[in-house]
Amino acid sequence: MNRISVRGVAVASATAVTAVGAVVGVASGDTKPASSVADVAGSTLLADIPSGSQAQTISDNVAAQADAQQADATAAAQKAAAEAARVKAAADATAKANAEKAAAAAKAAKAAHDAAAAASRASTRAALAQTFSPGSVQALAQSIIGNATQFQCFSNIVTRESGWNYTATNAGSGAYGLVQALPGDKMASVGSDWRTNPATQIKWGLGYMNSRYGSPCGAWDFWQAHSWY
């Protein structure tokens, strides 16, 4: 039964009741119409109530809308998560690339620094080698020692130990310089330039001979007996 048929039944019933009420009222001498019954019959509450199939349809529509909204929310959350993951991956890749570039730059800078330092040392050695020939080193030693006899003894030892090469290095022992100090860094007590400055080596060698043998000639005497001093 649809909404129209329900309303029709209600109106027909209300008409019948009204007619009966009127008869009863006349019979009893009450001429007041049964308006309360007519009002009830005229109500549309029954007509407004959906049928069972209509209620199910409404329920299904509401459920479908809720499912659709949930699906949209889930899709949006998944999309946001995927975008966040993409952004993080890109940021991580950029950070890694920057770190690798920084490491490579630092390595290149260190290599350049080391190369420059090595070139500087080589240049210094070359300059000193040009400045201090064996003859000039001998003249320098003579000016430092002063006494001709002591210089000759000193020269005898240096000639046999290093051939007046102030960068001479003994491959076996590591002894270094004009007087073959062992180890070479002993001469740092006279000057930090002991590797490249023959004057520093001469001063250290003269001091060593004087303190251990009394003089260069005393050192020469010992050297002749033992081939070392």
C-alpha atoms as a PDB file:
ATOM      1  CA  MET A   1       0.000   0.000   0.000  1.00  0.00           C
ATOM      2  CA  ASN A   2       1.468   3.365  -0.933  1.00  0.00           C
ATOM      3  CA  ARG A   3       1.206   6.759   0.704  1.00  0.00           C
ATOM      4  CA  ILE A   4      -1.916   7.708  -1.366  1.00  0.00           C
ATOM      5  CA  SER A   5      -3.865   4.575  -0.473  1.00  0.00           C
ATOM      6  CA  VAL A   6      -3.040   4.971   3.227  1.00  0.00           C
ATOM      7  CA  ARG A   7      -4.225   8.556   3.184  1.00  0.00           C
ATOM      8  CA  GLY A   8      -7.380   7.475   1.362  1.00  0.00           C
ATOM      9  CA  VAL A   9      -8.179   4.845   3.959  1.00  0.00           C
ATOM     10  CA  ALA A  10      -7.573   7.334   6.726  1.00  0.00           C
ATOM     11  CA  VAL A  11      -9.884   9.908   5.155  1.00  0.00           C
ATOM     12  CA  ALA A  12     -12.612   7.338   4.497  1.00  0.00           C
ATOM     13  CA  SER A  13     -12.387   6.036   8.016  1.00  0.00           C
ATOM     14  CA  ALA A  14     -12.485   9.526   9.456  1.00  0.00           C
ATOM     15  CA  THR A  15     -15.598  10.334   7.329  1.00  0.00           C
ATOM     16  CA  ALA A  16     -17.361   7.243   8.536  1.00  0.00           C
ATOM     17  CA  VAL A  17     -16.528   7.961  12.152  1.00  0.00           C
ATOM     18  CA  THR A  18     -17.659  11.561  11.738  1.00  0.00           C
ATOM     19  CA  ALA A  19     -20.974  10.426  10.304  1.00  0.00           C
ATOM     20  CA  VAL A  20     -21.568   7.988  13.122  1.00  0.00           C
ATOM     21  CA  GLY A  21     -20.612  10.605  15.666  1.00  0.00           C
ATOM     22  CA  ALA A  22     -23.068  13.042  14.153  1.00  0.00           C
ATOM     23  CA  VAL A  23     -25.882  10.538  14.334  1.00  0.00           C
ATOM     24  CA  VAL A  24     -25.054   9.671  17.880  1.00  0.00           C
ATOM     25  CA  GLY A  25     -24.867  13.327  18.792  1.00  0.00           C
ATOM     26  CA  VAL A  26     -28.277  14.037  17.272  1.00  0.00           C
ATOM     27  CA  ALA A  27     -29.729  11.051  18.964  1.00  0.00           C
ATOM     28  CA  SER A  28     -28.429  12.171  22.288  1.00  0.00           C
ATOM     29  CA  GLY A  29     -29.405  15.741  21.756  1.00  0.00           C
ATOM     30  CA  ASP A  30     -25.650  16.860  21.537  1.00  0.00           C
ATOM     31  CA  THR A  31     -25.268  18.868  18.396  1.00  0.00           C
ATOM     32  CA  LYS A  32     -21.480  19.458  18.817  1.00  0.00           C
ATOM     33  CA  PRO A  33     -19.550  17.816  15.961  1.00  0.00           C
ATOM     34  CA  ALA A  34     -16.916  15.179  16.813  1.00  0.00           C
ATOM     35  CA  SER A  35     -14.061  17.400  15.811  1.00  0.00           C
ATOM     36  CA  SER A  36     -11.423  15.441  17.815  1.00  0.00           C
ATOM     37  CA  VAL A  37     -12.106  12.309  15.838  1.00  0.00           C
ATOM     38  CA  ALA A  38     -12.022  14.257  12.577  1.00  0.00           C
ATOM     39  CA  ASP A  39      -8.675  15.840  13.601  1.00  0.00           C
ATOM     40  CA  VAL A  40      -7.138  12.445  14.261  1.00  0.00           C
ATOM     41  CA  ALA A  41      -8.367  11.125  10.954  1.00  0.00           C
ATOM     42  CA  GLY A  42      -6.877  14.158   9.193  1.00  0.00           C
ATOM     43  CA  SER A  43      -3.389  13.546  10.618  1.00  0.00           C
ATOM     44  CA  THR A  44      -0.624  12.632   8.099  1.00  0.00           C
ATOM     45  CA  LEU A  45       1.678  10.816  10.585  1.00  0.00           C
ATOM     46  CA  LEU A  46       0.812   7.408   9.186  1.00  0.00           C
ATOM     47  CA  ALA A  47       1.338   8.620   5.650  1.00  0.00           C
ATOM     48  CA  ASP A  48       4.797  10.009   6.528  1.00  0.00           C
ATOM     49  CA  ILE A  49       6.179   6.694   7.786  1.00  0.00           C
ATOM     50  CA  PRO A  50       8.254   5.017   5.008  1.00  0.00           C
ATOM     51  CA  SER A  51       7.561   1.464   4.064  1.00  0.00           C
ATOM     52  CA  GLY A  52      10.029  -1.359   4.897  1.00  0.00           C
ATOM     53  CA  SER A  53      11.660  -1.349   1.458  1.00  0.00           C
ATOM     54  CA  GLN A  54      12.021   2.448   1.507  1.00  0.00           C
ATOM     55  CA  ALA A  55      13.654   2.358   4.940  1.00  0.00           C
ATOM     56  CA  GLN A  56      16.123  -0.289   3.744  1.00  0.00           C
ATOM     57  CA  THR A  57      16.945   1.812   0.705  1.00  0.00           C
ATOM     58  CA  ILE A  58      17.638   4.851   2.885  1.00  0.00           C
ATOM     59  CA  SER A  59      19.811   2.761   5.214  1.00  0.00           C
ATOM     60  CA  ASP A  60      21.728   1.338   2.256  1.00  0.00           C
ATOM     61  CA  ASN A  61      22.299   4.834   0.849  1.00  0.00           C
ATOM     62  CA  VAL A  62      23.624   6.111   4.174  1.00  0.00           C
ATOM     63  CA  ALA A  63      25.943   3.118   4.493  1.00  0.00           C
ATOM     64  CA  ALA A  64      27.168   3.586   0.920  1.00  0.00           C
ATOM     65  CA  GLN A  65      27.919   7.248   1.580  1.00  0.00           C
ATOM     66  CA  ALA A  66      29.820   6.365   4.771  1.00  0.00           C
ATOM     67  CA  ASP A  67      31.834   3.714   2.897  1.00  0.00           C
ATOM     68  CA  ALA A  68      32.621   6.172   0.129  1.00  0.00           C
ATOM     69  CA  GLN A  69      33.781   8.795   2.630  1.00  0.00           C
ATOM     70  CA  GLN A  70      35.951   6.217   4.425  1.00  0.00           C
ATOM     71  CA  ALA A  71      37.460   5.108   1.118  1.00  0.00           C
ATOM     72  CA  ASP A  72      38.197   8.739   0.194  1.00  0.00           C
ATOM     73  CA  ALA A  73      39.815   9.333   3.598  1.00  0.00           C
ATOM     74  CA  THR A  74      41.938   6.165   3.267  1.00  0.00           C
ATOM     75  CA  ALA A  75      43.049   7.104  -0.240  1.00  0.00           C
ATOM     76  CA  ALA A  76      43.944  10.619   0.902  1.00  0.00           C
ATOM     77  CA  ALA A  77      45.965   9.250   3.828  1.00  0.00           C
ATOM     78  CA  GLN A  78      47.803   6.806   1.557  1.00  0.00           C
ATOM     79  CA  LYS A  79      48.543   9.571  -0.927  1.00  0.00           C
ATOM     80  CA  ALA A  80      49.860  11.829   1.848  1.00  0.00           C
ATOM     81  CA  ALA A  81      52.030   9.012   3.215  1.00  0.00           C
ATOM     82  CA  ALA A  82      53.437   8.268  -0.254  1.00  0.00           C
ATOM     83  CA  GLU A  83      54.215  11.955  -0.822  1.00  0.00           C
ATOM     84  CA  ALA A  84      55.909  12.222   2.585  1.00  0.00           C
ATOM     85  CA  ALA A  85      57.992   9.129   1.785  1.00  0.00           C
ATOM     86  CA  ARG A  86      58.973  10.603  -1.582  1.00  0.00           C
ATOM     87  CA  VAL A  87      59.982  13.921  -0.033  1.00  0.00           C
ATOM     88  CA  LYS A  88      62.039  12.141   2.662  1.00  0.00           C
ATOM     89  CA  ALA A  89      63.761   9.926   0.100  1.00  0.00           C
ATOM     90  CA  ALA A  90      64.640  12.981  -1.984  1.00  0.00           C
ATOM     91  CA  ALA A  91      65.969  14.805   1.072  1.00  0.00           C
ATOM     92  CA  ASP A  92      68.042  11.769   2.105  1.00  0.00           C
ATOM     93  CA  ALA A  93      69.468  11.454  -1.396  1.00  0.00           C
ATOM     94  CA  THR A  94      70.361  15.140  -1.466  1.00  0.00           C
ATOM     95  CA  ALA A  95      72.013  14.951   1.960  1.00  0.00           C
ATOM     96  CA  LYS A  96      74.018  11.892   0.911  1.00  0.00           C
ATOM     97  CA  ALA A  97      75.127  13.554  -2.308  1.00  0.00           C
ATOM     98  CA  ASN A  98      76.166  16.694  -0.419  1.00  0.00           C
ATOM     99  CA  ALA A  99      78.106  14.624   2.119  1.00  0.00           C
ATOM    100  CA  GLU A 100      79.912  12.762  -0.661  1.00  0.00           C
ATOM    101  CA  LYS A 101      80.736  16.044  -2.393  1.00  0.00           C
ATOM    102  CA  ALA A 102      82.054  17.507   0.865  1.00  0.00           C
ATOM    103  CA  ALA A 103      84.188  14.407   1.513  1.00  0.00           C
ATOM    104  CA  ALA A 104      85.555  14.509  -2.022  1.00  0.00           C
ATOM    105  CA  ALA A 105      86.320  18.220  -1.700  1.00  0.00           C
ATOM    106  CA  ALA A 106      88.076  17.663   1.632  1.00  0.00           C
ATOM    107  CA  LYS A 107      90.101  14.805   0.146  1.00  0.00           C
ATOM    108  CA  ALA A 108      91.054  16.919  -2.853  1.00  0.00           C
ATOM    109  CA  ALA A 109      92.004  19.829  -0.593  1.00  0.00           C
ATOM    110  CA  LYS A 110      94.191  17.568   1.539  1.00  0.00           C
ATOM    111  CA  ALA A 111      95.850  16.108  -1.542  1.00  0.00           C
ATOM    112  CA  ALA A 112      96.500  19.609  -2.867  1.00  0.00           C
ATOM    113  CA  HIS A 113      97.887  20.697   0.511  1.00  0.00           C
ATOM    114  CA  ASP A 114     100.165  17.654   0.711  1.00  0.00           C
ATOM    115  CA  ALA A 115     101.343  18.185  -2.847  1.00  0.00           C
ATOM    116  CA  ALA A 116     102.068  21.846  -2.153  1.00  0.00           C
ATOM    117  CA  ALA A 117     103.971  20.950   1.017  1.00  0.00           C
ATOM    118  CA  ALA A 118     106.010  18.318  -0.823  1.00  0.00           C
ATOM    119  CA  ALA A 119     106.766  20.779  -3.614  1.00  0.00           C
ATOM    120  CA  SER A 120     107.814  23.362  -1.057  1.00  0.00           C
ATOM    121  CA  ARG A 121     110.167  20.918   0.642  1.00  0.00           C
ATOM    122  CA  ALA A 122     111.614  19.865  -2.691  1.00  0.00           C
ATOM    123  CA  SER A 123     112.061  23.489  -3.671  1.00  0.00           C
ATOM    124  CA  THR A 124     113.793  24.232  -0.379  1.00  0.00           C
ATOM    125  CA  ARG A 125     116.136  21.281  -0.774  1.00  0.00           C
ATOM    126  CA  ALA A 126     116.883  22.275  -4.339  1.00  0.00           C
ATOM    127  CA  ALA A 127     117.573  25.870  -3.337  1.00  0.00           C
ATOM    128  CA  LEU A 128     119.849  24.790  -0.536  1.00  0.00           C
ATOM    129  CA  ALA A 129     121.643  22.344  -2.802  1.00  0.00           C
ATOM    130  CA  GLN A 130     122.322  25.161  -5.238  1.00  0.00           C
ATOM    131  CA  THR A 131     123.389  27.493  -2.474  1.00  0.00           C
ATOM    132  CA  PHE A 132     125.555  25.029  -0.545  1.00  0.00           C
ATOM    133  CA  SER A 133     127.941  23.180  -2.806  1.00  0.00           C
ATOM    134  CA  PRO A 134     130.487  20.894  -1.118  1.00  0.00           C
ATOM    135  CA  GLY A 135     133.121  23.625  -1.462  1.00  0.00           C
ATOM    136  CA  SER A 136     130.866  26.232   0.101  1.00  0.00           C
ATOM    137  CA  VAL A 137     129.959  23.867   2.932  1.00  0.00           C
ATOM    138  CA  GLN A 138     133.649  23.283   3.627  1.00  0.00           C
ATOM    139  CA  ALA A 139     134.254  27.013   3.682  1.00  0.00           C
ATOM    140  CA  LEU A 140     131.305  27.398   6.056  1.00  0.00           C
ATOM    141  CA  ALA A 141     132.742  24.724   8.374  1.00  0.00           C
ATOM    142  CA  GLN A 142     136.155  26.366   8.356  1.00  0.00           C
ATOM    143  CA  SER A 143     134.627  29.711   9.304  1.00  0.00           C
ATOM    144  CA  ILE A 144     132.696  28.102  12.174  1.00  0.00           C
ATOM    145  CA  ILE A 145     135.569  25.986  13.541  1.00  0.00           C
ATOM    146  CA  GLY A 146     138.232  28.670  13.088  1.00  0.00           C
ATOM    147  CA  ASN A 147     141.322  26.617  13.999  1.00  0.00           C
ATOM    148  CA  ALA A 148     142.925  25.262  10.825  1.00  0.00           C
ATOM    149  CA  THR A 149     144.224  22.088  12.500  1.00  0.00           C
ATOM    150  CA  GLN A 150     140.882  21.261  14.103  1.00  0.00           C
ATOM    151  CA  PHE A 151     139.136  22.026  10.848  1.00  0.00           C
ATOM    152  CA  GLN A 152     141.377  19.557   9.000  1.00  0.00           C
ATOM    153  CA  CYS A 153     140.547  16.804  11.522  1.00  0.00           C
ATOM    154  CA  PHE A 154     136.874  17.676  11.235  1.00  0.00           C
ATOM    155  CA  SER A 155     137.148  17.624   7.429  1.00  0.00           C
ATOM    156  CA  ASN A 156     138.815  14.188   7.478  1.00  0.00           C
ATOM    157  CA  ILE A 157     135.858  12.719   9.382  1.00  0.00           C
ATOM    158  CA  VAL A 158     133.165  14.469   7.334  1.00  0.00           C
ATOM    159  CA  THR A 159     134.808  13.475   4.044  1.00  0.00           C
ATOM    160  CA  ARG A 160     134.642   9.795   5.036  1.00  0.00           C
ATOM    161  CA  GLU A 161     131.196   9.956   6.660  1.00  0.00           C
ATOM    162  CA  SER A 162     129.222  11.923   4.049  1.00  0.00           C
ATOM    163  CA  GLY A 163     131.523  13.334   1.380  1.00  0.00           C
ATOM    164  CA  TRP A 164     130.334  16.791   2.522  1.00  0.00           C
ATOM    165  CA  ASN A 165     126.762  16.005   1.466  1.00  0.00           C
ATOM    166  CA  TYR A 166     124.537  17.530   4.152  1.00  0.00           C
ATOM    167  CA  THR A 167     121.528  15.479   2.986  1.00  0.00           C
ATOM    168  CA  ALA A 168     123.395  12.145   3.033  1.00  0.00           C
ATOM    169  CA  THR A 169     121.331   9.346   4.615  1.00  0.00           C
ATOM    170  CA  ASN A 170     122.639   5.934   5.657  1.00  0.00           C
ATOM    171  CA  ALA A 171     120.180   3.410   4.227  1.00  0.00           C
ATOM    172  CA  GLY A 172     120.981   0.864   6.933  1.00  0.00           C
ATOM    173  CA  SER A 173     121.135   2.895  10.131  1.00  0.00           C
ATOM    174  CA  GLY A 174     119.311   6.073   9.163  1.00  0.00           C
ATOM    175  CA  ALA A 175     122.259   8.268  10.180  1.00  0.00           C
ATOM    176  CA  TYR A 176     121.906  11.685   8.560  1.00  0.00           C
ATOM    177  CA  GLY A 177     123.864  14.709   7.426  1.00  0.00           C
ATOM    178  CA  LEU A 178     127.485  15.825   7.239  1.00  0.00           C
ATOM    179  CA  VAL A 179     128.546  14.126  10.464  1.00  0.00           C
ATOM    180  CA  GLN A 180     126.020  11.256  10.143  1.00  0.00           C
ATOM    181  CA  ALA A 181     124.174  11.929  13.383  1.00  0.00           C
ATOM    182  CA  LEU A 182     122.241   8.903  14.609  1.00  0.00           C
ATOM    183  CA  PRO A 183     119.389   9.531  14.787  1.00  0.00           C
ATOM    184  CA  GLY A 184     119.425  12.642  12.660  1.00  0.00           C
ATOM    185  CA  ASP A 185     116.948  14.529  14.811  1.00  0.00           C
ATOM    186  CA  LYS A 186     119.576  14.801  17.548  1.00  0.00           C
ATOM    187  CA  MET A 187     120.715  17.869  15.658  1.00  0.00           C
ATOM    188  CA  ALA A 188     117.395  19.559  16.420  1.00  0.00           C
ATOM    189  CA  SER A 189     119.012  20.586  19.725  1.00  0.00           C
ATOM    190  CA  VAL A 190     120.915  23.170  17.677  1.00  0.00           C
ATOM    191  CA  GLY A 191     118.216  24.089  15.165  1.00  0.00           C
ATOM    192  CA  SER A 192     114.926  22.890  13.744  1.00  0.00           C
ATOM    193  CA  ASP A 193     116.394  23.260  10.234  1.00  0.00           C
ATOM    194  CA  TRP A 194     118.879  20.445  10.840  1.00  0.00           C
ATOM    195  CA  ARG A 195     117.723  18.568   7.730  1.00  0.00           C
ATOM    196  CA  THR A 196     118.531  21.364   5.290  1.00  0.00           C
ATOM    197  CA  ASN A 197     121.008  23.708   6.952  1.00  0.00           C
ATOM    198  CA  PRO A 198     124.669  22.595   6.877  1.00  0.00           C
ATOM    199  CA  ALA A 199     125.605  25.275   9.398  1.00  0.00           C
ATOM    200  CA  THR A 200     123.270  23.646  11.964  1.00  0.00           C
ATOM    201  CA  GLN A 201     124.860  20.256  11.275  1.00  0.00           C
ATOM    202  CA  ILE A 202     128.417  21.633  11.553  1.00  0.00           C
ATOM    203  CA  LYS A 203     127.666  23.288  14.895  1.00  0.00           C
ATOM    204  CA  TRP A 204     126.084  20.137  16.255  1.00  0.00           C
ATOM    205  CA  GLY A 205     128.966  17.935  14.976  1.00  0.00           C
ATOM    206  CA  LEU A 206     131.602  20.242  16.448  1.00  0.00           C
ATOM    207  CA  GLY A 207     129.811  20.235  19.803  1.00  0.00           C
ATOM    208  CA  TYR A 208     129.542  16.430  19.749  1.00  0.00           C
ATOM    209  CA  MET A 209     133.251  15.967  18.986  1.00  0.00           C
ATOM    210  CA  ASN A 210     134.283  18.450  21.659  1.00  0.00           C
ATOM    211  CA  SER A 211     132.060  16.911  24.353  1.00  0.00           C
ATOM    212  CA  ARG A 212     132.900  13.251  23.572  1.00  0.00           C
ATOM    213  CA  TYR A 213     136.520  13.380  22.389  1.00  0.00           C
ATOM    214  CA  GLY A 214     137.726  16.787  23.511  1.00  0.00           C
ATOM    215  CA  SER A 215     138.144  18.139  19.980  1.00  0.00           C
ATOM    216  CA  PRO A 216     137.718  17.251  16.327  1.00  0.00           C
ATOM    217  CA  CYS A 217     141.281  15.928  16.294  1.00  0.00           C
ATOM    218  CA  GLY A 218     140.512  13.694  19.297  1.00  0.00           C
ATOM    219  CA  ALA A 219     137.481  12.391  17.355  1.00  0.00           C
ATOM    220  CA  TRP A 220     139.688  11.820  14.305  1.00  0.00           C
ATOM    221  CA  ASP A 221     142.155   9.792  16.318  1.00  0.00           C
ATOM    222  CA  PHE A 222     139.314   7.563  17.546  1.00  0.00           C
ATOM    223  CA  TRP A 223     137.889   7.259  14.065  1.00  0.00           C
ATOM    224  CA  GLN A 224     141.214   6.073  12.618  1.00  0.00           C
ATOM    225  CA  ALA A 225     141.353   3.329  15.245  1.00  0.00           C
ATOM    226  CA  HIS A 226     137.712   2.166  14.906  1.00  0.00           C
ATOM    227  CA  SER A 227     136.401   3.551  11.564  1.00  0.00           C
ATOM    228  CA  TRP A 228     133.594   5.226  13.456  1.00  0.00           C
ATOM    229  CA  TYR A 229     133.362   7.823  16.193  1.00  0.00           C
END
